[in-house]
Structures are given as structure tokens and as C-alpha cells.
Amino acid sequence: MASKVDRIVARLQEKIAEGDYYEAQQQTRVAASRYIKTKNWPAAIDILNNVAQSLLKAGQGGSGGDLCLMMVDVYKQAELKPDSASKGRLLTCLRLFAPEEPTRKSFIGEMMGWSSKFGEYPAGDPELHHVAGSLFAEEHEPYEAEKHLIIGTRDSAEILAKMEYTWYKEGDAHLAPHFAARAILPYLLVGNLRDANAAYRIFTKALSADNAGLNVQEVATPNSTTVAVFPSLPLLNFLGLLLLAVRRGAPEVFKGLLSKYAAQINETSWADPLDMIGEMYFGIRKPRQANPLMDMMSGLFGGGGGGGAPQQRRPGLRDGPAAPGLD
């Protein structure tokens, strides 16, 4: 059977080499469908995977993307679990897509949906999210990158923090806390204190290194923890102290921070995220609408600020630096 599949793939790849892309795509669908009818999932996947990659390498994103989508559908019919092999095929194909290919977005969505249904992570496999988010970050698509990196792997925090810092550098210095918060607050909202701290550490380290005159001060807390203080950036101090309060599980500290920085917080749209953080980590309940987490995450990852700034392809302050809930 393996040799027969190999011959089919070789014949289809010959058509691609000859430039007969449409015929290669159509014959691939026919060949794969025969194996799907007999539930020979490995053979169908092998044909679709190999030909899809060849089409993508040939710059045929629409045809290659169509076969990629068909392959994910076979994964679902076969009830295939996410493992190194099944994910590896998808990620190899994903990296071959041109950034501007419309089919790629559908492929990413279907890929995440499959891993959510048949894997152990309800929001989709973290490794798949990490690779998708990393690609979007490289392509200067911050809104799309954030959606995936927030629920990626432990390596995602560094990519996200560096992306936010690069984005911040295109604008005004006093907006540093707003860009740092784009990583820190969502991480807290999904219960990931580890990566919230990592994002804060990476962002503030880069900020200090690039701004020798920032006058950063190190302050020791009563429990011997050292906290960096930025006299000219009170909201950045608030974020650092918020992380400390969450680590300690200290509701009185949290309430004190809200009171101390009330004037600065009132100039942002952080109130709703902070209400949720208060409930999640400190048991401080407040009346809220039905399904608040979904509303909040939608706001955090949405494009544009309060003025409805357009989502431009390349990030920048004038393109809308902070999403609702973080500006």
C-alpha cells in the first residue's frame, strides 16, 4: 500500500512540476477521497500532506490551502489525537503559507478547532498557538499574534513581550505601561502568573537597557523581594506591584494599589480587567454581566482604542496602540 501511495504522490508532484496545479489539486482530492471512503486515514493524510506541501512550495497557496483544510477534515473524521506527528504535518504546512494567503487564516482556525476537540486543551494546543503567534509576530500582525501567544507555550511569553516592546518603541515613551499591559493583564486573566511575570521582566529589562536616564530604582519589600520602581511611569510600577500582590495572594495590598493609583487607572480602560483579577486572585466579587470572561477577552484582543483606530498591517502608535480594556 505504501508503494502505491508513493506512486500516486509522485505522479501528482510531476503535474505540479509541469505547472498543472489545478489538475494536481483535483486529482489529489479524488485520490484522497477513495481512501477516505474505506477509512484508510493514513493513506489519505499522506497524499494530502505531500501534495499540499508541494503546491505551497510552488506558490499555489489557494490550492495548497484547500488540501490542507481537507487534511484537517480527515484528522477530524479519524478522530486523530494531537501528537508530535499529527501536529508536525500541520506546522510544516503552516510555515509554507505566504503571509498574504487568505486560506491560511481558515487553516489556522480549523487546526485549532481540531486540537481543541481531540486534545487535552479546550482553547487549542499550546504548541500550535505558539507557532501561529510567532509567525504573526514576525509579520508585524500584533493583534493576531496576541490571540495565540497568550495561550501558547512557556516560550511564547518572551516573543509576546519583545513584540509589545518593539511596538511600544514606535510611539511615545510615556505609553510603555500600556504596551506592557497588553501582555501582563491577559496572562493574568487566563490564570498564567508565570508568564505574566516573565513578560513584565522582559519588557522592563529592555526598557531599562534602552533608557539610561530613566532613573530606575530598586526597592526591597518587607519579605525581601526586590521591585524595580520607575518614578516617571507610575502605571508600570502599578503593574509590577500588582504581580507581587498576586504572588502573595494579598487582597489588602491589591485594594491599596487600586486606591493609590486610582487617578492613573481612571485614565485607562483597565477597570474591567482589574475587577476580574480581583475576583480571580483575591476573592473580591463585583456584579457583572453574563459571560464576563468572554466579553473581557474579546475586549483585550480587539483592535483599535477607544477612538476605533484601524487595524493596520504594520503596528505603530498611530495605528491604534492599545485594544479596548488596555488603553
C-alpha atoms as a PDB file:
ATOM      1  CA  MET A   1       0.000   0.000   0.000  1.00  0.00           C
ATOM      2  CA  ALA A   2       2.832   2.355   0.874  1.00  0.00           C
ATOM      3  CA  SER A   3       4.367   1.937  -2.579  1.00  0.00           C
ATOM      4  CA  LYS A   4       1.004   2.589  -4.238  1.00  0.00           C
ATOM      5  CA  VAL A   5       0.544   5.804  -2.246  1.00  0.00           C
ATOM      6  CA  ASP A   6       4.099   6.808  -3.098  1.00  0.00           C
ATOM      7  CA  ARG A   7       3.377   6.315  -6.799  1.00  0.00           C
ATOM      8  CA  ILE A   8       0.223   8.426  -6.557  1.00  0.00           C
ATOM      9  CA  VAL A   9       2.115  11.210  -4.798  1.00  0.00           C
ATOM     10  CA  ALA A  10       4.961  11.068  -7.323  1.00  0.00           C
ATOM     11  CA  ARG A  11       2.535  11.312 -10.238  1.00  0.00           C
ATOM     12  CA  LEU A  12       0.769  14.305  -8.674  1.00  0.00           C
ATOM     13  CA  GLN A  13       4.051  16.015  -7.944  1.00  0.00           C
ATOM     14  CA  GLU A  14       5.034  15.603 -11.580  1.00  0.00           C
ATOM     15  CA  LYS A  15       1.930  17.552 -12.556  1.00  0.00           C
ATOM     16  CA  ILE A  16       2.945  20.315 -10.150  1.00  0.00           C
ATOM     17  CA  ALA A  17       6.438  20.387 -11.637  1.00  0.00           C
ATOM     18  CA  GLU A  18       4.829  20.770 -15.069  1.00  0.00           C
ATOM     19  CA  GLY A  19       2.760  23.708 -13.805  1.00  0.00           C
ATOM     20  CA  ASP A  20      -0.556  21.853 -13.981  1.00  0.00           C
ATOM     21  CA  TYR A  21      -1.555  22.980 -10.495  1.00  0.00           C
ATOM     22  CA  TYR A  22      -5.331  22.809 -10.775  1.00  0.00           C
ATOM     23  CA  GLU A  23      -5.272  19.280 -12.165  1.00  0.00           C
ATOM     24  CA  ALA A  24      -2.898  18.206  -9.399  1.00  0.00           C
ATOM     25  CA  GLN A  25      -5.228  19.623  -6.782  1.00  0.00           C
ATOM     26  CA  GLN A  26      -8.328  17.982  -8.243  1.00  0.00           C
ATOM     27  CA  GLN A  27      -6.702  14.587  -8.725  1.00  0.00           C
ATOM     28  CA  THR A  28      -5.378  14.754  -5.170  1.00  0.00           C
ATOM     29  CA  ARG A  29      -8.889  15.305  -3.846  1.00  0.00           C
ATOM     30  CA  VAL A  30     -10.163  12.334  -5.873  1.00  0.00           C
ATOM     31  CA  ALA A  31      -7.334  10.041  -4.753  1.00  0.00           C
ATOM     32  CA  ALA A  32      -7.677  11.035  -1.106  1.00  0.00           C
ATOM     33  CA  SER A  33     -11.454  10.617  -1.219  1.00  0.00           C
ATOM     34  CA  ARG A  34     -11.078   6.983  -2.306  1.00  0.00           C
ATOM     35  CA  TYR A  35      -9.040   6.238   0.798  1.00  0.00           C
ATOM     36  CA  ILE A  36     -11.383   8.270   2.990  1.00  0.00           C
ATOM     37  CA  LYS A  37     -14.334   6.112   1.847  1.00  0.00           C
ATOM     38  CA  THR A  38     -12.510   2.986   3.011  1.00  0.00           C
ATOM     39  CA  LYS A  39     -11.374   4.768   6.192  1.00  0.00           C
ATOM     40  CA  ASN A  40      -7.737   4.327   5.253  1.00  0.00           C
ATOM     41  CA  TRP A  41      -6.853   7.514   7.084  1.00  0.00           C
ATOM     42  CA  PRO A  42      -3.025   7.208   6.937  1.00  0.00           C
ATOM     43  CA  ALA A  43      -3.049   6.878   3.144  1.00  0.00           C
ATOM     44  CA  ALA A  44      -5.428   9.826   2.677  1.00  0.00           C
ATOM     45  CA  ILE A  45      -3.387  12.004   5.036  1.00  0.00           C
ATOM     46  CA  ASP A  46      -0.111  11.035   3.365  1.00  0.00           C
ATOM     47  CA  ILE A  47      -1.367  12.022  -0.084  1.00  0.00           C
ATOM     48  CA  LEU A  48      -2.926  15.286   1.070  1.00  0.00           C
ATOM     49  CA  ASN A  49       0.084  16.280   3.166  1.00  0.00           C
ATOM     50  CA  ASN A  50       2.696  15.666   0.482  1.00  0.00           C
ATOM     51  CA  VAL A  51       0.819  17.292  -2.381  1.00  0.00           C
ATOM     52  CA  ALA A  52      -0.300  20.243  -0.246  1.00  0.00           C
ATOM     53  CA  GLN A  53       3.303  20.952   0.677  1.00  0.00           C
ATOM     54  CA  SER A  54       4.416  20.728  -2.944  1.00  0.00           C
ATOM     55  CA  LEU A  55       1.703  23.176  -4.020  1.00  0.00           C
ATOM     56  CA  LEU A  56       2.552  25.602  -1.238  1.00  0.00           C
ATOM     57  CA  LYS A  57       6.234  25.464  -2.164  1.00  0.00           C
ATOM     58  CA  ALA A  58       5.226  26.226  -5.741  1.00  0.00           C
ATOM     59  CA  GLY A  59       3.452  29.363  -4.546  1.00  0.00           C
ATOM     60  CA  GLN A  60      -0.030  27.911  -5.036  1.00  0.00           C
ATOM     61  CA  GLY A  61      -1.465  28.982  -1.708  1.00  0.00           C
ATOM     62  CA  GLY A  62      -5.119  28.594  -2.664  1.00  0.00           C
ATOM     63  CA  SER A  63      -4.759  25.050  -3.989  1.00  0.00           C
ATOM     64  CA  GLY A  64      -2.329  24.011  -1.273  1.00  0.00           C
ATOM     65  CA  GLY A  65      -4.513  25.585   1.384  1.00  0.00           C
ATOM     66  CA  ASP A  66      -7.573  23.721   0.099  1.00  0.00           C
ATOM     67  CA  LEU A  67      -5.750  20.410   0.535  1.00  0.00           C
ATOM     68  CA  CYS A  68      -4.538  21.449   3.980  1.00  0.00           C
ATOM     69  CA  LEU A  69      -8.131  22.088   5.015  1.00  0.00           C
ATOM     70  CA  MET A  70      -9.127  18.712   3.621  1.00  0.00           C
ATOM     71  CA  MET A  71      -6.341  17.086   5.631  1.00  0.00           C
ATOM     72  CA  VAL A  72      -7.624  18.633   8.858  1.00  0.00           C
ATOM     73  CA  ASP A  73     -11.085  17.343   7.988  1.00  0.00           C
ATOM     74  CA  VAL A  74      -9.608  13.838   7.662  1.00  0.00           C
ATOM     75  CA  TYR A  75      -7.986  14.329  11.088  1.00  0.00           C
ATOM     76  CA  LYS A  76     -11.451  15.030  12.484  1.00  0.00           C
ATOM     77  CA  GLN A  77     -13.091  12.070  10.751  1.00  0.00           C
ATOM     78  CA  ALA A  78     -10.321   9.800  12.003  1.00  0.00           C
ATOM     79  CA  GLU A  79     -10.610  11.345  15.497  1.00  0.00           C
ATOM     80  CA  LEU A  80      -6.862  11.740  15.405  1.00  0.00           C
ATOM     81  CA  LYS A  81      -5.265  12.962  18.641  1.00  0.00           C
ATOM     82  CA  PRO A  82      -2.741  15.808  18.657  1.00  0.00           C
ATOM     83  CA  ASP A  83       0.737  14.284  18.913  1.00  0.00           C
ATOM     84  CA  SER A  84       4.150  15.132  17.526  1.00  0.00           C
ATOM     85  CA  ALA A  85       3.386  13.540  14.134  1.00  0.00           C
ATOM     86  CA  SER A  86      -0.101  14.939  13.596  1.00  0.00           C
ATOM     87  CA  LYS A  87       0.899  18.423  14.748  1.00  0.00           C
ATOM     88  CA  GLY A  88       4.174  18.275  12.839  1.00  0.00           C
ATOM     89  CA  ARG A  89       2.408  17.893   9.487  1.00  0.00           C
ATOM     90  CA  LEU A  90       0.181  20.871  10.183  1.00  0.00           C
ATOM     91  CA  LEU A  91       3.006  23.088  11.375  1.00  0.00           C
ATOM     92  CA  THR A  92       5.161  22.224   8.374  1.00  0.00           C
ATOM     93  CA  CYS A  93       2.303  23.241   6.084  1.00  0.00           C
ATOM     94  CA  LEU A  94       1.579  26.366   8.113  1.00  0.00           C
ATOM     95  CA  ARG A  95       5.144  27.621   7.730  1.00  0.00           C
ATOM     96  CA  LEU A  96       4.902  27.201   3.953  1.00  0.00           C
ATOM     97  CA  PHE A  97       1.949  29.567   3.545  1.00  0.00           C
ATOM     98  CA  ALA A  98       2.618  33.047   2.210  1.00  0.00           C
ATOM     99  CA  PRO A  99       1.545  35.638   4.827  1.00  0.00           C
ATOM    100  CA  GLU A 100      -0.973  37.224   2.463  1.00  0.00           C
ATOM    101  CA  GLU A 101      -2.679  33.930   1.525  1.00  0.00           C
ATOM    102  CA  PRO A 102      -6.338  34.165   2.703  1.00  0.00           C
ATOM    103  CA  THR A 103      -6.661  30.398   3.142  1.00  0.00           C
ATOM    104  CA  ARG A 104      -4.052  30.439   5.909  1.00  0.00           C
ATOM    105  CA  LYS A 105      -6.422  32.042   8.411  1.00  0.00           C
ATOM    106  CA  SER A 106      -9.050  29.359   7.771  1.00  0.00           C
ATOM    107  CA  PHE A 107      -6.399  26.664   8.107  1.00  0.00           C
ATOM    108  CA  ILE A 108      -5.255  28.048  11.459  1.00  0.00           C
ATOM    109  CA  GLY A 109      -8.837  28.175  12.696  1.00  0.00           C
ATOM    110  CA  GLU A 110      -9.572  24.609  11.636  1.00  0.00           C
ATOM    111  CA  MET A 111      -6.274  23.404  13.067  1.00  0.00           C
ATOM    112  CA  MET A 112      -7.063  24.947  16.460  1.00  0.00           C
ATOM    113  CA  GLY A 113     -10.604  23.593  16.374  1.00  0.00           C
ATOM    114  CA  TRP A 114      -9.352  20.068  15.740  1.00  0.00           C
ATOM    115  CA  SER A 115      -6.778  20.234  18.542  1.00  0.00           C
ATOM    116  CA  SER A 116      -9.407  21.634  20.902  1.00  0.00           C
ATOM    117  CA  LYS A 117     -11.882  18.843  20.192  1.00  0.00           C
ATOM    118  CA  PHE A 118      -9.498  15.919  20.226  1.00  0.00           C
ATOM    119  CA  GLY A 119      -6.722  17.172  22.505  1.00  0.00           C
ATOM    120  CA  GLU A 120      -6.453  17.998  26.190  1.00  0.00           C
ATOM    121  CA  TYR A 121      -6.547  21.797  25.869  1.00  0.00           C
ATOM    122  CA  PRO A 122     -10.022  23.362  25.430  1.00  0.00           C
ATOM    123  CA  ALA A 123      -8.546  26.521  23.855  1.00  0.00           C
ATOM    124  CA  GLY A 124      -6.411  24.557  21.403  1.00  0.00           C
ATOM    125  CA  ASP A 125      -2.954  23.021  21.559  1.00  0.00           C
ATOM    126  CA  PRO A 126      -0.360  25.445  23.026  1.00  0.00           C
ATOM    127  CA  GLU A 127       2.354  24.423  20.575  1.00  0.00           C
ATOM    128  CA  LEU A 128       0.103  25.176  17.618  1.00  0.00           C
ATOM    129  CA  HIS A 129      -0.805  28.529  19.164  1.00  0.00           C
ATOM    130  CA  HIS A 130       2.872  29.300  19.795  1.00  0.00           C
ATOM    131  CA  VAL A 131       3.914  28.716  16.191  1.00  0.00           C
ATOM    132  CA  ALA A 132       0.936  30.622  14.763  1.00  0.00           C
ATOM    133  CA  GLY A 133       1.512  33.512  17.154  1.00  0.00           C
ATOM    134  CA  SER A 134       5.231  33.589  16.415  1.00  0.00           C
ATOM    135  CA  LEU A 135       4.557  33.816  12.681  1.00  0.00           C
ATOM    136  CA  PHE A 136       2.133  36.692  13.184  1.00  0.00           C
ATOM    137  CA  ALA A 137       4.664  38.457  15.417  1.00  0.00           C
ATOM    138  CA  GLU A 138       7.365  38.136  12.748  1.00  0.00           C
ATOM    139  CA  GLU A 139       4.935  39.572  10.210  1.00  0.00           C
ATOM    140  CA  HIS A 140       4.086  42.562  12.431  1.00  0.00           C
ATOM    141  CA  GLU A 141       0.495  41.445  12.986  1.00  0.00           C
ATOM    142  CA  PRO A 142       0.235  42.157  16.726  1.00  0.00           C
ATOM    143  CA  TYR A 143      -3.498  41.677  17.203  1.00  0.00           C
ATOM    144  CA  GLU A 144      -3.415  38.197  15.671  1.00  0.00           C
ATOM    145  CA  ALA A 145      -0.156  37.334  17.447  1.00  0.00           C
ATOM    146  CA  GLU A 146      -1.563  38.244  20.864  1.00  0.00           C
ATOM    147  CA  LYS A 147      -4.554  35.925  20.477  1.00  0.00           C
ATOM    148  CA  HIS A 148      -2.273  32.926  20.045  1.00  0.00           C
ATOM    149  CA  LEU A 149       0.755  33.752  22.182  1.00  0.00           C
ATOM    150  CA  ILE A 150      -1.351  34.368  25.302  1.00  0.00           C
ATOM    151  CA  ILE A 151      -2.408  30.709  25.233  1.00  0.00           C
ATOM    152  CA  GLY A 152       0.824  29.350  23.785  1.00  0.00           C
ATOM    153  CA  THR A 153       3.782  27.653  25.479  1.00  0.00           C
ATOM    154  CA  ARG A 154       6.156  28.991  28.101  1.00  0.00           C
ATOM    155  CA  ASP A 155       8.363  30.204  25.230  1.00  0.00           C
ATOM    156  CA  SER A 156       5.546  32.428  23.987  1.00  0.00           C
ATOM    157  CA  ALA A 157       5.943  34.999  26.773  1.00  0.00           C
ATOM    158  CA  GLU A 158       9.325  36.163  25.520  1.00  0.00           C
ATOM    159  CA  ILE A 159       8.107  36.558  21.950  1.00  0.00           C
ATOM    160  CA  LEU A 160       4.997  38.418  23.099  1.00  0.00           C
ATOM    161  CA  ALA A 161       6.879  40.752  25.453  1.00  0.00           C
ATOM    162  CA  LYS A 162       9.502  41.560  22.826  1.00  0.00           C
ATOM    163  CA  MET A 163       6.813  42.194  20.236  1.00  0.00           C
ATOM    164  CA  GLU A 164       4.980  44.573  22.573  1.00  0.00           C
ATOM    165  CA  TYR A 165       8.245  46.344  23.349  1.00  0.00           C
ATOM    166  CA  THR A 166       9.105  46.735  19.658  1.00  0.00           C
ATOM    167  CA  TRP A 167       5.622  48.092  19.073  1.00  0.00           C
ATOM    168  CA  TYR A 168       5.946  50.487  22.013  1.00  0.00           C
ATOM    169  CA  LYS A 169       9.202  51.934  20.651  1.00  0.00           C
ATOM    170  CA  GLU A 170       7.322  53.289  17.639  1.00  0.00           C
ATOM    171  CA  GLY A 171       5.339  55.614  19.919  1.00  0.00           C
ATOM    172  CA  ASP A 172       5.758  57.873  22.938  1.00  0.00           C
ATOM    173  CA  ALA A 173       7.870  56.877  25.919  1.00  0.00           C
ATOM    174  CA  HIS A 174       5.140  57.510  28.494  1.00  0.00           C
ATOM    175  CA  LEU A 175       2.953  54.787  26.916  1.00  0.00           C
ATOM    176  CA  ALA A 176       5.286  51.967  27.966  1.00  0.00           C
ATOM    177  CA  PRO A 177       2.873  50.682  30.672  1.00  0.00           C
ATOM    178  CA  HIS A 178       0.054  50.385  28.146  1.00  0.00           C
ATOM    179  CA  PHE A 179       2.064  48.119  25.892  1.00  0.00           C
ATOM    180  CA  ALA A 180       3.420  46.063  28.799  1.00  0.00           C
ATOM    181  CA  ALA A 181      -0.148  45.606  29.992  1.00  0.00           C
ATOM    182  CA  ARG A 182      -1.146  44.097  26.651  1.00  0.00           C
ATOM    183  CA  ALA A 183       0.799  41.007  27.725  1.00  0.00           C
ATOM    184  CA  ILE A 184       0.563  41.145  31.521  1.00  0.00           C
ATOM    185  CA  LEU A 185      -3.184  41.592  32.032  1.00  0.00           C
ATOM    186  CA  PRO A 186      -4.295  38.909  29.546  1.00  0.00           C
ATOM    187  CA  TYR A 187      -1.844  36.434  31.068  1.00  0.00           C
ATOM    188  CA  LEU A 188      -3.358  37.112  34.480  1.00  0.00           C
ATOM    189  CA  LEU A 189      -6.868  36.750  33.073  1.00  0.00           C
ATOM    190  CA  VAL A 190      -6.097  33.266  31.761  1.00  0.00           C
ATOM    191  CA  GLY A 191      -4.531  32.318  35.097  1.00  0.00           C
ATOM    192  CA  ASN A 192      -0.935  32.305  33.896  1.00  0.00           C
ATOM    193  CA  LEU A 193       1.002  34.172  36.590  1.00  0.00           C
ATOM    194  CA  ARG A 194       4.294  32.610  35.486  1.00  0.00           C
ATOM    195  CA  ASP A 195       4.197  34.168  32.037  1.00  0.00           C
ATOM    196  CA  ALA A 196       2.728  37.441  33.316  1.00  0.00           C
ATOM    197  CA  ASN A 197       5.847  37.802  35.452  1.00  0.00           C
ATOM    198  CA  ALA A 198       8.098  36.747  32.565  1.00  0.00           C
ATOM    199  CA  ALA A 199       6.522  39.339  30.260  1.00  0.00           C
ATOM    200  CA  TYR A 200       6.937  42.083  32.861  1.00  0.00           C
ATOM    201  CA  ARG A 201      10.564  41.129  33.481  1.00  0.00           C
ATOM    202  CA  ILE A 202      11.479  41.011  29.771  1.00  0.00           C
ATOM    203  CA  PHE A 203       9.680  44.256  28.955  1.00  0.00           C
ATOM    204  CA  THR A 204      11.124  46.266  31.851  1.00  0.00           C
ATOM    205  CA  LYS A 205      14.633  44.877  31.282  1.00  0.00           C
ATOM    206  CA  ALA A 206      14.548  46.065  27.673  1.00  0.00           C
ATOM    207  CA  LEU A 207      13.089  49.401  28.744  1.00  0.00           C
ATOM    208  CA  SER A 208      15.850  49.970  31.320  1.00  0.00           C
ATOM    209  CA  ALA A 209      18.593  48.932  28.890  1.00  0.00           C
ATOM    210  CA  ASP A 210      17.382  51.351  26.217  1.00  0.00           C
ATOM    211  CA  ASN A 211      16.807  54.305  28.553  1.00  0.00           C
ATOM    212  CA  ALA A 212      19.818  55.016  30.725  1.00  0.00           C
ATOM    213  CA  GLY A 213      18.227  58.232  32.004  1.00  0.00           C
ATOM    214  CA  LEU A 214      15.035  56.566  33.159  1.00  0.00           C
ATOM    215  CA  ASN A 215      16.225  56.635  36.788  1.00  0.00           C
ATOM    216  CA  VAL A 216      15.095  53.140  37.727  1.00  0.00           C
ATOM    217  CA  GLN A 217      15.242  52.452  41.441  1.00  0.00           C
ATOM    218  CA  GLU A 218      15.411  49.117  43.229  1.00  0.00           C
ATOM    219  CA  VAL A 219      13.214  48.905  46.332  1.00  0.00           C
ATOM    220  CA  ALA A 220      13.235  45.996  48.789  1.00  0.00           C
ATOM    221  CA  THR A 221       9.870  44.883  50.188  1.00  0.00           C
ATOM    222  CA  PRO A 222       9.375  43.550  53.750  1.00  0.00           C
ATOM    223  CA  ASN A 223       9.569  39.952  52.502  1.00  0.00           C
ATOM    224  CA  SER A 224      12.970  40.613  50.863  1.00  0.00           C
ATOM    225  CA  THR A 225      11.623  40.847  47.312  1.00  0.00           C
ATOM    226  CA  THR A 226      13.281  43.493  45.140  1.00  0.00           C
ATOM    227  CA  VAL A 227      10.982  45.586  42.990  1.00  0.00           C
ATOM    228  CA  ALA A 228      12.055  47.933  40.190  1.00  0.00           C
ATOM    229  CA  VAL A 229      10.443  51.362  40.528  1.00  0.00           C
ATOM    230  CA  PHE A 230      10.073  53.755  37.604  1.00  0.00           C
ATOM    231  CA  PRO A 231       9.382  57.227  39.074  1.00  0.00           C
ATOM    232  CA  SER A 232       8.245  58.648  35.748  1.00  0.00           C
ATOM    233  CA  LEU A 233       5.968  55.701  34.875  1.00  0.00           C
ATOM    234  CA  PRO A 234       3.513  55.140  37.744  1.00  0.00           C
ATOM    235  CA  LEU A 235       1.331  52.682  35.826  1.00  0.00           C
ATOM    236  CA  LEU A 236       4.359  50.470  35.171  1.00  0.00           C
ATOM    237  CA  ASN A 237       5.015  50.491  38.912  1.00  0.00           C
ATOM    238  CA  PHE A 238       1.387  49.520  39.447  1.00  0.00           C
ATOM    239  CA  LEU A 239       1.753  46.510  37.141  1.00  0.00           C
ATOM    240  CA  GLY A 240       4.878  45.315  38.948  1.00  0.00           C
ATOM    241  CA  LEU A 241       3.252  45.694  42.358  1.00  0.00           C
ATOM    242  CA  LEU A 242       0.091  44.021  41.091  1.00  0.00           C
ATOM    243  CA  LEU A 243       2.118  40.956  40.140  1.00  0.00           C
ATOM    244  CA  LEU A 244       3.704  40.975  43.580  1.00  0.00           C
ATOM    245  CA  ALA A 245       0.287  41.177  45.239  1.00  0.00           C
ATOM    246  CA  VAL A 246      -0.984  38.266  43.147  1.00  0.00           C
ATOM    247  CA  ARG A 247       2.051  36.149  44.070  1.00  0.00           C
ATOM    248  CA  ARG A 248       1.422  36.862  47.741  1.00  0.00           C
ATOM    249  CA  GLY A 249      -2.352  36.454  47.474  1.00  0.00           C
ATOM    250  CA  ALA A 250      -2.748  39.661  49.459  1.00  0.00           C
ATOM    251  CA  PRO A 251      -6.186  41.277  48.932  1.00  0.00           C
ATOM    252  CA  GLU A 252      -5.342  44.196  51.228  1.00  0.00           C
ATOM    253  CA  VAL A 253      -2.325  45.021  49.067  1.00  0.00           C
ATOM    254  CA  PHE A 254      -4.454  44.802  45.927  1.00  0.00           C
ATOM    255  CA  LYS A 255      -7.039  47.186  47.376  1.00  0.00           C
ATOM    256  CA  GLY A 256      -4.285  49.544  48.467  1.00  0.00           C
ATOM    257  CA  LEU A 257      -2.823  49.588  44.965  1.00  0.00           C
ATOM    258  CA  LEU A 258      -6.182  50.401  43.414  1.00  0.00           C
ATOM    259  CA  SER A 259      -6.569  53.278  45.832  1.00  0.00           C
ATOM    260  CA  LYS A 260      -3.031  54.621  45.444  1.00  0.00           C
ATOM    261  CA  TYR A 261      -3.072  54.534  41.632  1.00  0.00           C
ATOM    262  CA  ALA A 262      -6.774  55.367  41.197  1.00  0.00           C
ATOM    263  CA  ALA A 263      -6.104  58.613  39.318  1.00  0.00           C
ATOM    264  CA  GLN A 264      -3.823  56.946  36.769  1.00  0.00           C
ATOM    265  CA  ILE A 265      -6.048  53.878  36.385  1.00  0.00           C
ATOM    266  CA  ASN A 266      -9.071  56.078  35.745  1.00  0.00           C
ATOM    267  CA  GLU A 267      -7.313  57.396  32.637  1.00  0.00           C
ATOM    268  CA  THR A 268      -7.145  53.874  31.197  1.00  0.00           C
ATOM    269  CA  SER A 269      -9.726  51.212  30.423  1.00  0.00           C
ATOM    270  CA  TRP A 270      -8.243  48.724  32.845  1.00  0.00           C
ATOM    271  CA  ALA A 271     -11.160  48.798  35.296  1.00  0.00           C
ATOM    272  CA  ASP A 272     -12.905  45.674  33.988  1.00  0.00           C
ATOM    273  CA  PRO A 273      -9.748  43.522  33.763  1.00  0.00           C
ATOM    274  CA  LEU A 274      -8.801  44.606  37.287  1.00  0.00           C
ATOM    275  CA  ASP A 275     -12.267  43.733  38.575  1.00  0.00           C
ATOM    276  CA  MET A 276     -11.840  40.237  37.176  1.00  0.00           C
ATOM    277  CA  ILE A 277      -8.326  39.931  38.584  1.00  0.00           C
ATOM    278  CA  GLY A 278      -9.671  41.000  41.965  1.00  0.00           C
ATOM    279  CA  GLU A 279     -12.234  38.210  41.844  1.00  0.00           C
ATOM    280  CA  MET A 280      -9.930  35.554  40.410  1.00  0.00           C
ATOM    281  CA  TYR A 281      -6.988  36.040  42.753  1.00  0.00           C
ATOM    282  CA  PHE A 282      -8.352  37.814  45.823  1.00  0.00           C
ATOM    283  CA  GLY A 283     -11.985  36.711  46.070  1.00  0.00           C
ATOM    284  CA  ILE A 284     -13.282  40.270  45.690  1.00  0.00           C
ATOM    285  CA  ARG A 285     -16.610  39.845  43.933  1.00  0.00           C
ATOM    286  CA  LYS A 286     -18.372  42.544  41.942  1.00  0.00           C
ATOM    287  CA  PRO A 287     -21.654  42.441  39.997  1.00  0.00           C
ATOM    288  CA  ARG A 288     -21.057  41.668  36.372  1.00  0.00           C
ATOM    289  CA  GLN A 289     -22.807  40.718  33.154  1.00  0.00           C
ATOM    290  CA  ALA A 290     -23.373  37.203  31.949  1.00  0.00           C
ATOM    291  CA  ASN A 291     -20.301  35.521  30.455  1.00  0.00           C
ATOM    292  CA  PRO A 292     -17.855  38.278  31.506  1.00  0.00           C
ATOM    293  CA  LEU A 293     -14.688  36.353  30.666  1.00  0.00           C
ATOM    294  CA  MET A 294     -15.589  36.101  27.011  1.00  0.00           C
ATOM    295  CA  ASP A 295     -16.512  39.779  26.894  1.00  0.00           C
ATOM    296  CA  MET A 296     -13.270  40.733  28.586  1.00  0.00           C
ATOM    297  CA  MET A 297     -11.016  38.605  26.413  1.00  0.00           C
ATOM    298  CA  SER A 298     -12.792  39.948  23.338  1.00  0.00           C
ATOM    299  CA  GLY A 299     -12.087  43.477  24.504  1.00  0.00           C
ATOM    300  CA  LEU A 300      -8.484  42.764  25.361  1.00  0.00           C
ATOM    301  CA  PHE A 301      -7.701  41.266  21.988  1.00  0.00           C
ATOM    302  CA  GLY A 302      -9.812  43.584  19.856  1.00  0.00           C
ATOM    303  CA  GLY A 303      -8.216  46.084  17.543  1.00  0.00           C
ATOM    304  CA  GLY A 304      -8.094  49.823  17.985  1.00  0.00           C
ATOM    305  CA  GLY A 305      -8.508  52.037  21.005  1.00  0.00           C
ATOM    306  CA  GLY A 306     -11.467  53.997  22.221  1.00  0.00           C
ATOM    307  CA  GLY A 307     -11.422  56.047  19.049  1.00  0.00           C
ATOM    308  CA  GLY A 308     -11.877  52.984  16.836  1.00  0.00           C
ATOM    309  CA  ALA A 309      -8.430  53.210  15.260  1.00  0.00           C
ATOM    310  CA  PRO A 310      -7.984  50.988  12.207  1.00  0.00           C
ATOM    311  CA  GLN A 311      -6.029  47.751  12.451  1.00  0.00           C
ATOM    312  CA  GLN A 312      -3.135  48.402  10.144  1.00  0.00           C
ATOM    313  CA  ARG A 313      -0.890  45.619   8.878  1.00  0.00           C
ATOM    314  CA  ARG A 314       2.222  47.066  10.482  1.00  0.00           C
ATOM    315  CA  PRO A 315       1.832  48.083  14.134  1.00  0.00           C
ATOM    316  CA  GLY A 316       2.515  51.552  15.393  1.00  0.00           C
ATOM    317  CA  LEU A 317       1.208  54.105  17.846  1.00  0.00           C
ATOM    318  CA  ARG A 318      -0.818  55.928  15.230  1.00  0.00           C
ATOM    319  CA  ASP A 319      -2.335  52.640  14.085  1.00  0.00           C
ATOM    320  CA  GLY A 320      -4.105  52.146  17.395  1.00  0.00           C
ATOM    321  CA  PRO A 321      -1.621  51.158  20.117  1.00  0.00           C
ATOM    322  CA  ALA A 322      -3.930  49.568  22.634  1.00  0.00           C
ATOM    323  CA  ALA A 323      -7.027  47.467  22.436  1.00  0.00           C
ATOM    324  CA  PRO A 324     -10.168  48.232  24.460  1.00  0.00           C
ATOM    325  CA  GLY A 325      -9.575  47.178  28.035  1.00  0.00           C
ATOM    326  CA  LEU A 326      -5.898  48.049  27.921  1.00  0.00           C
ATOM    327  CA  ASP A 327      -5.718  51.629  26.680  1.00  0.00           C
END
